[in-house]
Amino acid sequence: MVCRMFRIETEVDKGRRDQLRARLRETNTAASPVLAALRGTPGERQTPLHVWALDAAGALAGGLVGHTWAGWLHVTYLWVDDRHRGAGMGSRLLTEAERIAYADRGCARSRVETWDFQAPHFYRARGYDVVSVIPDYPPGITEFTLTKPLG
């Protein structure tokens, strides 16, 4: 048996992070025919998708920030100013992002993570299904992952 000594370091190192990311990508691509087939295609890269709602004065009233990757829309943030909640703005933002993802980018599904005090009911009402529940993430809060077929 060979015994090797390793030094463990904990500092933030962007160069090593990028090297690790590249090696993991190579390893994953070699191990997965699905990921290998994505290489060199438009679906390989995450493409930002932003939808904004501006009030009459041009101020931010709401918005959705996400990206598309591998045939999926990933909703990262969806927010509507308190003054405009209940007027359908969140639905309009989500619907527009889903439309762009499906019609313009060929996405077949959408996913979102949300906390119990945020909007799991909002997404369920718009056709999303809960696929994961993580209690106490962070402590005292439950996180939900929801998905929806598009089209």
N, C-alpha and C. Protein backbone atom coordinates (compact mmCIF):
# COMPACT_ATOMS: atom_id res chain seq x y z
N MET A 1 0.85 -1.17 0.00
CA MET A 1 0.00 0.00 0.00
C MET A 1 0.89 1.24 0.00
N VAL A 2 0.55 2.18 -0.84
CA VAL A 2 1.30 3.43 -0.93
C VAL A 2 0.59 4.47 -0.08
N CYS A 3 1.34 5.11 0.77
CA CYS A 3 0.78 6.18 1.61
C CYS A 3 1.28 7.51 1.05
N ARG A 4 0.35 8.38 0.73
CA ARG A 4 0.73 9.69 0.21
C ARG A 4 0.30 10.75 1.21
N MET A 5 1.09 11.75 1.30
CA MET A 5 0.76 12.89 2.16
C MET A 5 0.16 13.98 1.29
N PHE A 6 -0.89 14.58 1.77
CA PHE A 6 -1.54 15.68 1.08
C PHE A 6 -1.62 16.87 2.01
N ARG A 7 -1.51 18.04 1.42
CA ARG A 7 -1.71 19.28 2.17
C ARG A 7 -3.09 19.79 1.79
N ILE A 8 -3.91 20.06 2.76
CA ILE A 8 -5.25 20.58 2.53
C ILE A 8 -5.23 22.08 2.80
N GLU A 9 -5.77 22.85 1.83
CA GLU A 9 -5.83 24.30 1.96
C GLU A 9 -7.29 24.75 1.83
N THR A 10 -7.61 25.86 2.42
CA THR A 10 -9.00 26.32 2.41
C THR A 10 -9.19 27.71 1.82
N GLU A 11 -8.16 28.32 1.27
CA GLU A 11 -8.34 29.68 0.76
C GLU A 11 -9.11 29.67 -0.56
N VAL A 12 -9.75 30.78 -0.85
CA VAL A 12 -10.44 30.96 -2.12
C VAL A 12 -9.37 31.15 -3.20
N ASP A 13 -9.44 30.34 -4.25
CA ASP A 13 -8.44 30.37 -5.31
C ASP A 13 -9.17 30.19 -6.64
N LYS A 14 -9.38 31.28 -7.36
CA LYS A 14 -10.15 31.24 -8.59
C LYS A 14 -9.46 30.41 -9.67
N GLY A 15 -8.15 30.45 -9.71
CA GLY A 15 -7.42 29.64 -10.69
C GLY A 15 -7.65 28.15 -10.46
N ARG A 16 -7.54 27.71 -9.22
CA ARG A 16 -7.80 26.29 -8.90
C ARG A 16 -9.27 25.95 -9.13
N ARG A 17 -10.17 26.88 -8.81
CA ARG A 17 -11.59 26.64 -9.05
C ARG A 17 -11.84 26.38 -10.53
N ASP A 18 -11.25 27.21 -11.39
CA ASP A 18 -11.44 27.04 -12.82
C ASP A 18 -10.82 25.73 -13.31
N GLN A 19 -9.67 25.37 -12.76
CA GLN A 19 -9.03 24.11 -13.12
C GLN A 19 -9.90 22.93 -12.69
N LEU A 20 -10.44 23.00 -11.48
CA LEU A 20 -11.32 21.95 -10.98
C LEU A 20 -12.56 21.82 -11.85
N ARG A 21 -13.15 22.97 -12.20
CA ARG A 21 -14.35 22.97 -13.05
C ARG A 21 -14.05 22.31 -14.40
N ALA A 22 -12.91 22.64 -15.00
CA ALA A 22 -12.55 22.05 -16.29
C ALA A 22 -12.33 20.55 -16.17
N ARG A 23 -11.66 20.12 -15.13
CA ARG A 23 -11.42 18.67 -14.94
C ARG A 23 -12.72 17.92 -14.67
N LEU A 24 -13.60 18.51 -13.87
CA LEU A 24 -14.89 17.88 -13.60
C LEU A 24 -15.71 17.78 -14.88
N ARG A 25 -15.68 18.84 -15.68
CA ARG A 25 -16.41 18.83 -16.95
C ARG A 25 -15.90 17.72 -17.86
N GLU A 26 -14.57 17.59 -17.96
CA GLU A 26 -13.98 16.53 -18.79
C GLU A 26 -14.38 15.15 -18.28
N THR A 27 -14.33 14.95 -16.97
CA THR A 27 -14.68 13.67 -16.37
C THR A 27 -16.15 13.35 -16.60
N ASN A 28 -17.01 14.34 -16.38
CA ASN A 28 -18.45 14.13 -16.57
C ASN A 28 -18.78 13.85 -18.03
N THR A 29 -18.13 14.57 -18.94
CA THR A 29 -18.38 14.37 -20.36
C THR A 29 -17.95 12.97 -20.77
N ALA A 30 -16.82 12.50 -20.27
CA ALA A 30 -16.36 11.15 -20.59
C ALA A 30 -17.29 10.09 -20.02
N ALA A 31 -17.91 10.36 -18.89
CA ALA A 31 -18.75 9.37 -18.21
C ALA A 31 -20.20 9.36 -18.70
N SER A 32 -20.65 10.42 -19.36
CA SER A 32 -22.06 10.53 -19.73
C SER A 32 -22.23 10.78 -21.23
N PRO A 33 -22.85 9.84 -21.94
CA PRO A 33 -23.13 10.08 -23.36
C PRO A 33 -24.03 11.29 -23.59
N VAL A 34 -24.92 11.57 -22.64
CA VAL A 34 -25.81 12.72 -22.77
C VAL A 34 -25.01 14.01 -22.74
N LEU A 35 -24.11 14.14 -21.74
CA LEU A 35 -23.28 15.35 -21.67
C LEU A 35 -22.30 15.42 -22.83
N ALA A 36 -21.79 14.28 -23.27
CA ALA A 36 -20.88 14.27 -24.43
C ALA A 36 -21.60 14.77 -25.67
N ALA A 37 -22.87 14.38 -25.83
CA ALA A 37 -23.64 14.83 -27.00
C ALA A 37 -23.92 16.32 -26.97
N LEU A 38 -23.94 16.93 -25.78
CA LEU A 38 -24.17 18.38 -25.67
C LEU A 38 -22.96 19.19 -26.12
N ARG A 39 -21.77 18.61 -26.02
CA ARG A 39 -20.54 19.34 -26.35
C ARG A 39 -20.61 19.90 -27.76
N GLY A 40 -20.32 21.19 -27.88
CA GLY A 40 -20.30 21.85 -29.18
C GLY A 40 -21.66 22.25 -29.71
N THR A 41 -22.72 22.05 -28.93
CA THR A 41 -24.06 22.44 -29.37
C THR A 41 -24.48 23.72 -28.64
N PRO A 42 -25.51 24.42 -29.14
CA PRO A 42 -25.99 25.61 -28.43
C PRO A 42 -26.48 25.30 -27.02
N GLY A 43 -26.98 24.09 -26.79
CA GLY A 43 -27.46 23.71 -25.47
C GLY A 43 -26.38 23.52 -24.43
N GLU A 44 -25.11 23.49 -24.87
CA GLU A 44 -24.00 23.27 -23.94
C GLU A 44 -23.79 24.44 -22.99
N ARG A 45 -24.03 25.63 -23.45
CA ARG A 45 -23.76 26.83 -22.64
C ARG A 45 -25.01 27.34 -21.95
N GLN A 46 -24.81 27.84 -20.75
CA GLN A 46 -25.90 28.54 -20.08
C GLN A 46 -26.09 29.88 -20.77
N THR A 47 -27.32 30.17 -21.16
CA THR A 47 -27.63 31.43 -21.82
C THR A 47 -28.57 32.22 -20.92
N PRO A 48 -28.15 33.43 -20.51
CA PRO A 48 -29.01 34.22 -19.62
C PRO A 48 -30.37 34.51 -20.24
N LEU A 49 -31.37 34.56 -19.38
CA LEU A 49 -32.72 34.95 -19.80
C LEU A 49 -33.25 35.89 -18.72
N HIS A 50 -33.50 37.13 -19.10
CA HIS A 50 -34.00 38.15 -18.18
C HIS A 50 -35.28 38.74 -18.74
N VAL A 51 -36.27 38.92 -17.88
CA VAL A 51 -37.54 39.56 -18.26
C VAL A 51 -37.82 40.63 -17.20
N TRP A 52 -38.07 41.85 -17.63
CA TRP A 52 -38.26 42.97 -16.70
C TRP A 52 -39.64 43.58 -16.83
N ALA A 53 -40.17 44.07 -15.72
CA ALA A 53 -41.41 44.86 -15.71
C ALA A 53 -41.06 46.23 -15.14
N LEU A 54 -41.33 47.27 -15.91
CA LEU A 54 -41.03 48.64 -15.49
C LEU A 54 -42.33 49.41 -15.33
N ASP A 55 -42.39 50.26 -14.31
CA ASP A 55 -43.60 51.06 -14.12
C ASP A 55 -43.59 52.24 -15.09
N ALA A 56 -44.61 53.08 -15.01
CA ALA A 56 -44.76 54.21 -15.95
C ALA A 56 -43.57 55.17 -15.90
N ALA A 57 -42.89 55.24 -14.74
CA ALA A 57 -41.73 56.12 -14.61
C ALA A 57 -40.44 55.44 -15.04
N GLY A 58 -40.53 54.17 -15.44
CA GLY A 58 -39.35 53.44 -15.86
C GLY A 58 -38.61 52.74 -14.72
N ALA A 59 -39.19 52.78 -13.52
CA ALA A 59 -38.56 52.12 -12.36
C ALA A 59 -38.89 50.62 -12.38
N LEU A 60 -38.00 49.85 -11.81
CA LEU A 60 -38.17 48.41 -11.75
C LEU A 60 -39.37 48.06 -10.88
N ALA A 61 -40.35 47.38 -11.46
CA ALA A 61 -41.54 46.94 -10.74
C ALA A 61 -41.51 45.44 -10.49
N GLY A 62 -40.71 44.73 -11.26
CA GLY A 62 -40.59 43.29 -11.11
C GLY A 62 -39.62 42.75 -12.14
N GLY A 63 -39.24 41.50 -11.94
CA GLY A 63 -38.33 40.91 -12.90
C GLY A 63 -38.11 39.44 -12.66
N LEU A 64 -37.62 38.79 -13.70
CA LEU A 64 -37.24 37.39 -13.63
C LEU A 64 -35.84 37.27 -14.21
N VAL A 65 -34.97 36.60 -13.47
CA VAL A 65 -33.62 36.33 -13.94
C VAL A 65 -33.43 34.82 -13.91
N GLY A 66 -32.96 34.30 -15.00
CA GLY A 66 -32.70 32.88 -15.09
C GLY A 66 -31.75 32.60 -16.23
N HIS A 67 -31.71 31.34 -16.63
CA HIS A 67 -30.90 30.96 -17.78
C HIS A 67 -31.48 29.70 -18.39
N THR A 68 -31.08 29.43 -19.62
CA THR A 68 -31.43 28.18 -20.25
C THR A 68 -30.16 27.36 -20.42
N TRP A 69 -30.31 26.06 -20.25
CA TRP A 69 -29.19 25.14 -20.41
C TRP A 69 -29.74 23.74 -20.66
N ALA A 70 -29.20 23.07 -21.63
CA ALA A 70 -29.50 21.66 -21.90
C ALA A 70 -31.00 21.41 -22.05
N GLY A 71 -31.69 22.35 -22.68
CA GLY A 71 -33.11 22.16 -22.91
C GLY A 71 -34.00 22.49 -21.73
N TRP A 72 -33.44 23.16 -20.72
CA TRP A 72 -34.19 23.54 -19.53
C TRP A 72 -34.13 25.05 -19.32
N LEU A 73 -35.23 25.60 -18.83
CA LEU A 73 -35.24 26.95 -18.27
C LEU A 73 -35.01 26.81 -16.78
N HIS A 74 -34.05 27.55 -16.24
CA HIS A 74 -33.82 27.57 -14.79
C HIS A 74 -34.15 28.98 -14.31
N VAL A 75 -35.22 29.11 -13.53
CA VAL A 75 -35.62 30.39 -12.96
C VAL A 75 -34.81 30.59 -11.68
N THR A 76 -33.96 31.61 -11.68
CA THR A 76 -33.11 31.88 -10.52
C THR A 76 -33.80 32.83 -9.56
N TYR A 77 -34.33 33.94 -10.09
CA TYR A 77 -35.02 34.94 -9.27
C TYR A 77 -36.30 35.36 -9.97
N LEU A 78 -37.36 35.50 -9.20
CA LEU A 78 -38.60 36.12 -9.68
C LEU A 78 -39.08 37.00 -8.54
N TRP A 79 -39.22 38.28 -8.83
CA TRP A 79 -39.59 39.24 -7.78
C TRP A 79 -40.55 40.27 -8.36
N VAL A 80 -41.54 40.64 -7.55
CA VAL A 80 -42.49 41.70 -7.90
C VAL A 80 -42.58 42.65 -6.70
N ASP A 81 -42.48 43.94 -6.97
CA ASP A 81 -42.60 44.95 -5.92
C ASP A 81 -43.95 44.81 -5.21
N ASP A 82 -43.95 45.02 -3.91
CA ASP A 82 -45.18 44.90 -3.11
C ASP A 82 -46.35 45.67 -3.70
N ARG A 83 -46.08 46.85 -4.26
CA ARG A 83 -47.16 47.69 -4.80
C ARG A 83 -47.86 47.07 -5.99
N HIS A 84 -47.21 46.10 -6.63
CA HIS A 84 -47.76 45.52 -7.85
C HIS A 84 -48.17 44.06 -7.69
N ARG A 85 -48.03 43.52 -6.48
CA ARG A 85 -48.40 42.12 -6.26
C ARG A 85 -49.91 41.95 -6.33
N GLY A 86 -50.32 40.80 -6.83
CA GLY A 86 -51.74 40.51 -6.95
C GLY A 86 -52.35 40.99 -8.25
N ALA A 87 -51.56 41.63 -9.10
CA ALA A 87 -52.07 42.16 -10.36
C ALA A 87 -51.69 41.29 -11.55
N GLY A 88 -51.09 40.13 -11.29
CA GLY A 88 -50.73 39.21 -12.37
C GLY A 88 -49.36 39.43 -12.97
N MET A 89 -48.57 40.35 -12.40
CA MET A 89 -47.26 40.63 -12.97
C MET A 89 -46.32 39.43 -12.89
N GLY A 90 -46.31 38.74 -11.77
CA GLY A 90 -45.46 37.56 -11.63
C GLY A 90 -45.79 36.51 -12.67
N SER A 91 -47.08 36.30 -12.88
CA SER A 91 -47.52 35.34 -13.90
C SER A 91 -47.07 35.76 -15.28
N ARG A 92 -47.19 37.05 -15.58
CA ARG A 92 -46.78 37.55 -16.90
C ARG A 92 -45.28 37.38 -17.11
N LEU A 93 -44.49 37.68 -16.06
CA LEU A 93 -43.03 37.52 -16.17
C LEU A 93 -42.66 36.06 -16.41
N LEU A 94 -43.26 35.17 -15.63
CA LEU A 94 -42.97 33.74 -15.76
C LEU A 94 -43.42 33.21 -17.11
N THR A 95 -44.62 33.60 -17.54
CA THR A 95 -45.13 33.15 -18.83
C THR A 95 -44.24 33.59 -19.97
N GLU A 96 -43.75 34.82 -19.92
CA GLU A 96 -42.86 35.32 -20.98
C GLU A 96 -41.54 34.57 -20.98
N ALA A 97 -40.98 34.31 -19.82
CA ALA A 97 -39.72 33.55 -19.75
C ALA A 97 -39.93 32.14 -20.30
N GLU A 98 -41.04 31.51 -19.93
CA GLU A 98 -41.34 30.16 -20.43
C GLU A 98 -41.52 30.18 -21.95
N ARG A 99 -42.19 31.22 -22.45
CA ARG A 99 -42.41 31.33 -23.90
C ARG A 99 -41.09 31.44 -24.65
N ILE A 100 -40.20 32.31 -24.16
CA ILE A 100 -38.90 32.48 -24.80
C ILE A 100 -38.10 31.18 -24.73
N ALA A 101 -38.10 30.55 -23.56
CA ALA A 101 -37.35 29.31 -23.39
C ALA A 101 -37.85 28.23 -24.35
N TYR A 102 -39.15 28.13 -24.48
CA TYR A 102 -39.74 27.07 -25.33
C TYR A 102 -39.65 27.43 -26.81
N ALA A 103 -40.19 28.58 -27.18
CA ALA A 103 -40.32 28.94 -28.60
C ALA A 103 -38.99 29.35 -29.23
N ASP A 104 -38.18 30.09 -28.50
CA ASP A 104 -36.95 30.63 -29.09
C ASP A 104 -35.72 29.79 -28.80
N ARG A 105 -35.75 29.02 -27.68
CA ARG A 105 -34.54 28.29 -27.29
C ARG A 105 -34.73 26.78 -27.22
N GLY A 106 -35.92 26.31 -27.55
CA GLY A 106 -36.16 24.87 -27.63
C GLY A 106 -36.18 24.12 -26.31
N CYS A 107 -36.43 24.82 -25.23
CA CYS A 107 -36.47 24.16 -23.92
C CYS A 107 -37.77 23.36 -23.77
N ALA A 108 -37.65 22.19 -23.17
CA ALA A 108 -38.81 21.32 -22.97
C ALA A 108 -39.35 21.39 -21.54
N ARG A 109 -38.52 21.88 -20.60
CA ARG A 109 -38.92 21.88 -19.19
C ARG A 109 -38.37 23.12 -18.49
N SER A 110 -38.97 23.41 -17.34
CA SER A 110 -38.53 24.54 -16.51
C SER A 110 -38.36 24.04 -15.08
N ARG A 111 -37.46 24.69 -14.34
CA ARG A 111 -37.25 24.36 -12.93
C ARG A 111 -37.02 25.62 -12.12
N VAL A 112 -37.37 25.53 -10.83
CA VAL A 112 -37.20 26.66 -9.93
C VAL A 112 -37.03 26.13 -8.52
N GLU A 113 -36.27 26.84 -7.71
CA GLU A 113 -36.19 26.56 -6.28
C GLU A 113 -36.82 27.74 -5.56
N THR A 114 -37.58 27.44 -4.51
CA THR A 114 -38.23 28.49 -3.73
C THR A 114 -38.37 28.02 -2.29
N TRP A 115 -38.47 28.95 -1.38
CA TRP A 115 -38.65 28.61 0.03
C TRP A 115 -40.13 28.60 0.40
N ASP A 116 -40.44 27.95 1.51
CA ASP A 116 -41.84 27.81 1.94
C ASP A 116 -42.54 29.14 2.16
N PHE A 117 -41.82 30.18 2.57
CA PHE A 117 -42.45 31.48 2.82
C PHE A 117 -42.51 32.34 1.56
N GLN A 118 -41.92 31.86 0.47
CA GLN A 118 -41.93 32.62 -0.77
C GLN A 118 -43.12 32.22 -1.63
N ALA A 119 -42.92 31.29 -2.57
CA ALA A 119 -43.96 31.12 -3.58
C ALA A 119 -44.19 29.69 -4.08
N PRO A 120 -44.08 28.66 -3.25
CA PRO A 120 -44.36 27.33 -3.82
C PRO A 120 -45.79 27.23 -4.35
N HIS A 121 -46.74 27.87 -3.67
CA HIS A 121 -48.14 27.85 -4.13
C HIS A 121 -48.30 28.57 -5.47
N PHE A 122 -47.54 29.65 -5.67
CA PHE A 122 -47.58 30.41 -6.93
C PHE A 122 -47.18 29.50 -8.09
N TYR A 123 -46.07 28.78 -7.93
CA TYR A 123 -45.59 27.91 -9.01
C TYR A 123 -46.52 26.72 -9.23
N ARG A 124 -47.03 26.13 -8.15
CA ARG A 124 -47.97 25.01 -8.29
C ARG A 124 -49.20 25.44 -9.09
N ALA A 125 -49.69 26.65 -8.83
CA ALA A 125 -50.87 27.15 -9.53
C ALA A 125 -50.59 27.39 -11.01
N ARG A 126 -49.35 27.43 -11.39
CA ARG A 126 -48.96 27.65 -12.79
C ARG A 126 -48.41 26.38 -13.44
N GLY A 127 -48.75 25.24 -12.85
CA GLY A 127 -48.43 23.96 -13.48
C GLY A 127 -47.14 23.29 -13.05
N TYR A 128 -46.47 23.85 -12.07
CA TYR A 128 -45.23 23.25 -11.59
C TYR A 128 -45.52 22.17 -10.56
N ASP A 129 -44.72 21.11 -10.58
CA ASP A 129 -44.84 20.02 -9.63
C ASP A 129 -43.63 20.01 -8.71
N VAL A 130 -43.86 19.73 -7.43
CA VAL A 130 -42.77 19.64 -6.46
C VAL A 130 -42.04 18.32 -6.71
N VAL A 131 -40.71 18.41 -6.90
CA VAL A 131 -39.90 17.21 -7.11
C VAL A 131 -38.90 17.00 -5.98
N SER A 132 -38.74 18.02 -5.13
CA SER A 132 -37.79 17.90 -4.02
C SER A 132 -38.22 18.83 -2.90
N VAL A 133 -38.11 18.34 -1.68
CA VAL A 133 -38.38 19.14 -0.49
C VAL A 133 -37.20 18.95 0.44
N ILE A 134 -36.57 20.06 0.84
CA ILE A 134 -35.42 19.99 1.74
C ILE A 134 -35.77 20.79 2.99
N PRO A 135 -36.11 20.09 4.08
CA PRO A 135 -36.42 20.80 5.32
C PRO A 135 -35.16 21.37 5.96
N ASP A 136 -35.35 22.45 6.70
CA ASP A 136 -34.25 23.09 7.44
C ASP A 136 -33.10 23.55 6.55
N TYR A 137 -33.43 24.08 5.36
CA TYR A 137 -32.41 24.63 4.47
C TYR A 137 -32.78 26.04 4.08
N PRO A 138 -32.31 27.04 4.81
CA PRO A 138 -31.55 26.99 6.07
C PRO A 138 -32.45 26.60 7.24
N PRO A 139 -31.86 26.43 8.44
CA PRO A 139 -32.65 25.99 9.59
C PRO A 139 -33.93 26.81 9.78
N GLY A 140 -35.05 26.08 9.92
CA GLY A 140 -36.34 26.73 10.12
C GLY A 140 -37.09 27.02 8.84
N ILE A 141 -36.48 26.78 7.69
CA ILE A 141 -37.09 27.06 6.39
C ILE A 141 -37.04 25.79 5.55
N THR A 142 -38.05 25.59 4.72
CA THR A 142 -38.08 24.46 3.80
C THR A 142 -37.88 24.97 2.39
N GLU A 143 -36.99 24.32 1.66
CA GLU A 143 -36.77 24.66 0.25
C GLU A 143 -37.47 23.64 -0.63
N PHE A 144 -38.11 24.14 -1.68
CA PHE A 144 -38.79 23.29 -2.66
C PHE A 144 -38.10 23.45 -4.02
N THR A 145 -37.97 22.36 -4.75
CA THR A 145 -37.61 22.40 -6.16
C THR A 145 -38.84 21.95 -6.92
N LEU A 146 -39.21 22.74 -7.91
CA LEU A 146 -40.39 22.45 -8.72
C LEU A 146 -40.01 22.42 -10.19
N THR A 147 -40.70 21.59 -10.97
CA THR A 147 -40.46 21.52 -12.42
C THR A 147 -41.78 21.55 -13.16
N LYS A 148 -41.67 21.89 -14.45
CA LYS A 148 -42.87 21.97 -15.29
C LYS A 148 -42.48 21.66 -16.73
N PRO A 149 -43.27 20.83 -17.42
CA PRO A 149 -43.05 20.68 -18.85
C PRO A 149 -43.51 21.95 -19.57
N LEU A 150 -42.79 22.35 -20.60
CA LEU A 150 -43.14 23.54 -21.38
C LEU A 150 -43.77 23.11 -22.69
N GLY A 151 -44.57 23.98 -23.24
CA GLY A 151 -45.14 23.74 -24.56
C GLY A 151 -46.49 23.17 -24.60
